[in-house]
Amino acid sequence: MINNILGKNIYLREVQYSDSKKIVKWRNDDNIGKYLTRKKLTLTKQKLFIEEYVKRENDFYFIAELKNKKVPIGTVAVFNYDKITKIAEWGRIIVLPEYSLAAFEIAFLSIQFAFEELKINKIYGAVQKENKVAHRFDLSLGFVEEGILRSHYWNGKKCDDLILIAMFKDEYKKLKYKYKKIIIK
């Protein structure tokens, strides 16, 4: 069990079994889940995923909520955390369109958790080449491109390239300094 992560306007809480229906709705939405789910997700599959998630010690899956209203507005995760190499993967990010301005704070809080609580040295992820909005967002967060896996991911229509991204601890420290007045409580 992990503590809630508090930001200026957002807080992240650990995903719960009761969040399953909401996550399925978001992931199956044609706009929100466009780059997330190749097939429609079922409630049964999501509940099984959460049941398995709670057993893992290297996976931290969050629901993002508005701090003042406690309204769920998205998800984010730090997962595949390796205690030996001090590396973790970042992703599973969903932000409801009407709260898109909160995306940076949601992402930053999860990255901050990885570097400051888990004490990692590097966080990495992957974004589909076709998902240009997410790619620009990742770069604006301070992620750097590390490579491309060509025609690697079947997105339901075609095999898309995956752009590999990463951020090291020193890059995070620069990001934190740059944005601390805006999003850190």
Protein backbone atom coordinates (compact mmCIF):
# COMPACT_ATOMS: atom_id res chain seq x y z
CA MET A 1 0.00 0.00 0.00
CA ILE A 2 1.32 3.41 -0.94
CA ASN A 3 0.37 6.80 0.39
CA ASN A 4 -1.51 9.34 -1.69
CA ILE A 5 0.74 11.68 -3.67
CA LEU A 6 -0.32 15.28 -3.26
CA GLY A 7 0.27 18.03 -5.81
CA LYS A 8 -1.01 21.56 -6.02
CA ASN A 9 -4.31 20.71 -7.76
CA ILE A 10 -4.14 16.92 -8.17
CA TYR A 11 -3.54 13.96 -6.00
CA LEU A 12 -2.70 10.44 -7.01
CA ARG A 13 -4.13 7.51 -5.10
CA GLU A 14 -3.55 3.84 -5.61
CA VAL A 15 -5.99 2.24 -8.04
CA GLN A 16 -8.68 0.13 -6.38
CA TYR A 17 -10.81 -2.76 -7.51
CA SER A 18 -13.81 -0.40 -7.47
CA ASP A 19 -12.12 1.74 -10.17
CA SER A 20 -12.41 -1.06 -12.74
CA LYS A 21 -15.66 0.11 -14.37
CA LYS A 22 -14.38 3.67 -14.75
CA ILE A 23 -11.07 2.51 -16.28
CA VAL A 24 -12.86 0.23 -18.76
CA LYS A 25 -15.07 3.13 -19.83
CA TRP A 26 -12.07 5.40 -20.35
CA ARG A 27 -9.94 2.83 -22.17
CA ASN A 28 -12.81 1.79 -24.46
CA ASP A 29 -13.68 5.38 -25.37
CA ASP A 30 -12.83 5.99 -29.05
CA ASN A 31 -10.96 9.22 -28.28
CA ILE A 32 -9.47 8.63 -24.84
CA GLY A 33 -8.39 5.05 -25.50
CA LYS A 34 -7.42 5.49 -29.13
CA TYR A 35 -3.78 4.51 -28.51
CA LEU A 36 -4.31 2.37 -25.43
CA THR A 37 -6.45 -0.62 -26.26
CA ARG A 38 -6.35 -2.68 -29.44
CA LYS A 39 -9.48 -4.61 -28.52
CA LYS A 40 -12.35 -3.52 -26.34
CA LEU A 41 -11.50 -4.11 -22.72
CA THR A 42 -14.00 -6.04 -20.62
CA LEU A 43 -14.84 -5.38 -17.00
CA THR A 44 -13.79 -8.94 -16.16
CA LYS A 45 -10.34 -8.45 -17.72
CA GLN A 46 -9.81 -5.14 -15.93
CA LYS A 47 -10.80 -6.63 -12.57
CA LEU A 48 -8.38 -9.51 -13.16
CA PHE A 49 -5.65 -7.02 -14.05
CA ILE A 50 -6.20 -5.14 -10.78
CA GLU A 51 -6.28 -8.39 -8.79
CA GLU A 52 -2.88 -9.29 -10.28
CA TYR A 53 -1.59 -5.74 -9.91
CA VAL A 54 -2.07 -5.71 -6.12
CA LYS A 55 0.13 -8.83 -5.86
CA ARG A 56 3.07 -7.18 -7.62
CA GLU A 57 5.67 -5.26 -5.66
CA ASN A 58 7.10 -3.52 -8.72
CA ASP A 59 3.94 -1.88 -10.07
CA PHE A 60 2.40 1.39 -8.88
CA TYR A 61 -0.88 2.21 -10.60
CA PHE A 62 -2.66 5.45 -9.71
CA ILE A 63 -5.99 7.16 -10.17
CA ALA A 64 -5.58 10.93 -10.55
CA GLU A 65 -8.20 13.02 -8.79
CA LEU A 66 -8.89 16.71 -8.46
CA LYS A 67 -7.67 17.59 -4.99
CA ASN A 68 -10.52 19.93 -4.08
CA LYS A 69 -13.39 17.81 -5.48
CA LYS A 70 -12.08 14.21 -5.33
CA VAL A 71 -13.24 13.69 -8.90
CA PRO A 72 -11.32 10.97 -10.81
CA ILE A 73 -9.87 12.43 -14.01
CA GLY A 74 -7.33 9.85 -15.16
CA THR A 75 -4.69 7.22 -14.50
CA VAL A 76 -0.92 6.90 -14.58
CA ALA A 77 1.53 4.18 -13.57
CA VAL A 78 5.13 3.49 -12.70
CA PHE A 79 5.75 -0.20 -13.29
CA ASN A 80 8.34 -2.87 -14.02
CA TYR A 81 10.40 -1.29 -11.24
CA ASP A 82 13.74 -3.07 -10.92
CA LYS A 83 15.29 -2.58 -7.47
CA ILE A 84 18.72 -3.71 -8.68
CA THR A 85 19.11 -1.50 -11.76
CA LYS A 86 16.99 1.30 -10.26
CA ILE A 87 14.99 1.58 -13.49
CA ALA A 88 11.21 1.75 -13.91
CA GLU A 89 8.74 2.06 -16.76
CA TRP A 90 6.23 4.92 -17.00
CA GLY A 91 2.86 4.85 -18.74
CA ARG A 92 -0.81 3.85 -18.58
CA ILE A 93 -1.55 7.57 -18.64
CA ILE A 94 -5.12 8.63 -19.25
CA VAL A 95 -6.37 12.17 -18.77
CA LEU A 96 -9.98 13.01 -19.51
CA PRO A 97 -10.07 15.64 -22.31
CA GLU A 98 -11.91 18.22 -20.23
CA TYR A 99 -9.02 18.09 -17.71
CA SER A 100 -6.15 18.12 -20.21
CA LEU A 101 -4.52 21.06 -18.40
CA ALA A 102 -3.94 18.70 -15.46
CA ALA A 103 -1.93 16.24 -17.58
CA PHE A 104 1.42 17.79 -16.78
CA GLU A 105 0.81 17.74 -13.03
CA ILE A 106 -0.41 14.11 -13.16
CA ALA A 107 2.66 13.06 -15.13
CA PHE A 108 5.05 15.08 -12.98
CA LEU A 109 3.70 13.68 -9.71
CA SER A 110 4.18 10.11 -10.94
CA ILE A 111 7.70 10.86 -12.18
CA GLN A 112 8.49 12.60 -8.90
CA PHE A 113 7.27 9.50 -7.03
CA ALA A 114 9.58 7.30 -9.10
CA PHE A 115 12.70 9.41 -8.53
CA GLU A 116 12.10 10.52 -4.95
CA GLU A 117 10.24 7.62 -3.33
CA LEU A 118 11.55 4.65 -5.31
CA LYS A 119 14.98 6.28 -5.70
CA ILE A 120 15.32 5.23 -9.33
CA ASN A 121 18.07 6.43 -11.65
CA LYS A 122 16.09 6.16 -14.89
CA ILE A 123 12.47 6.06 -16.01
CA TYR A 124 11.50 4.95 -19.51
CA GLY A 125 8.47 4.41 -21.71
CA ALA A 126 7.30 3.98 -25.27
CA VAL A 127 4.91 5.95 -27.44
CA GLN A 128 3.43 5.04 -30.80
CA LYS A 129 4.85 7.14 -33.62
CA GLU A 130 1.30 7.84 -34.81
CA ASN A 131 0.43 9.33 -31.39
CA LYS A 132 2.04 12.69 -32.08
CA VAL A 133 0.25 14.53 -29.25
CA ALA A 134 1.56 12.09 -26.63
CA HIS A 135 5.03 12.16 -28.17
CA ARG A 136 5.20 15.98 -27.97
CA PHE A 137 3.83 15.81 -24.42
CA ASP A 138 6.51 13.29 -23.38
CA LEU A 139 9.25 15.51 -24.81
CA SER A 140 7.78 18.56 -23.03
CA LEU A 141 8.02 16.62 -19.76
CA GLY A 142 11.75 16.23 -20.27
CA PHE A 143 11.87 12.73 -21.72
CA VAL A 144 14.51 12.16 -24.39
CA GLU A 145 14.19 9.82 -27.36
CA GLU A 146 16.41 6.76 -27.01
CA GLY A 147 15.47 4.87 -30.14
CA ILE A 148 12.76 3.47 -32.36
CA LEU A 149 11.37 -0.05 -32.60
CA ARG A 150 10.27 -0.11 -36.22
CA SER A 151 6.87 -1.65 -37.09
CA HIS A 152 6.77 -3.07 -33.59
CA TYR A 153 3.26 -2.45 -32.26
CA TRP A 154 0.00 -3.59 -33.84
CA ASN A 155 -2.40 -0.73 -33.12
CA GLY A 156 -5.48 -2.43 -34.53
CA LYS A 157 -4.95 -1.05 -38.03
CA LYS A 158 -1.26 -1.42 -38.80
CA CYS A 159 2.12 -2.09 -37.26
CA ASP A 160 3.31 1.24 -35.90
CA ASP A 161 6.79 2.25 -34.79
CA LEU A 162 7.36 2.62 -31.05
CA ILE A 163 9.47 5.56 -29.98
CA LEU A 164 11.46 4.74 -26.86
CA ILE A 165 11.81 7.57 -24.36
CA ALA A 166 13.70 7.94 -21.10
CA MET A 167 14.65 10.39 -18.38
CA PHE A 168 17.57 10.17 -15.97
CA LYS A 169 17.72 11.48 -12.42
CA ASP A 170 19.76 14.59 -13.36
CA GLU A 171 17.22 15.45 -16.09
CA TYR A 172 14.41 15.06 -13.56
CA LYS A 173 16.15 17.43 -11.14
CA LYS A 174 16.22 20.11 -13.84
CA LEU A 175 12.53 19.52 -14.56
CA LYS A 176 11.66 19.74 -10.87
CA TYR A 177 13.50 23.02 -10.47
CA LYS A 178 11.84 24.46 -13.58
CA TYR A 179 8.28 23.58 -12.55
CA LYS A 180 8.31 23.52 -8.77
CA LYS A 181 6.43 26.81 -8.38
CA ILE A 182 3.67 25.75 -10.72
CA ILE A 183 2.80 22.23 -9.59
CA ILE A 184 4.45 21.37 -6.31
CA LYS A 185 2.35 22.14 -3.25
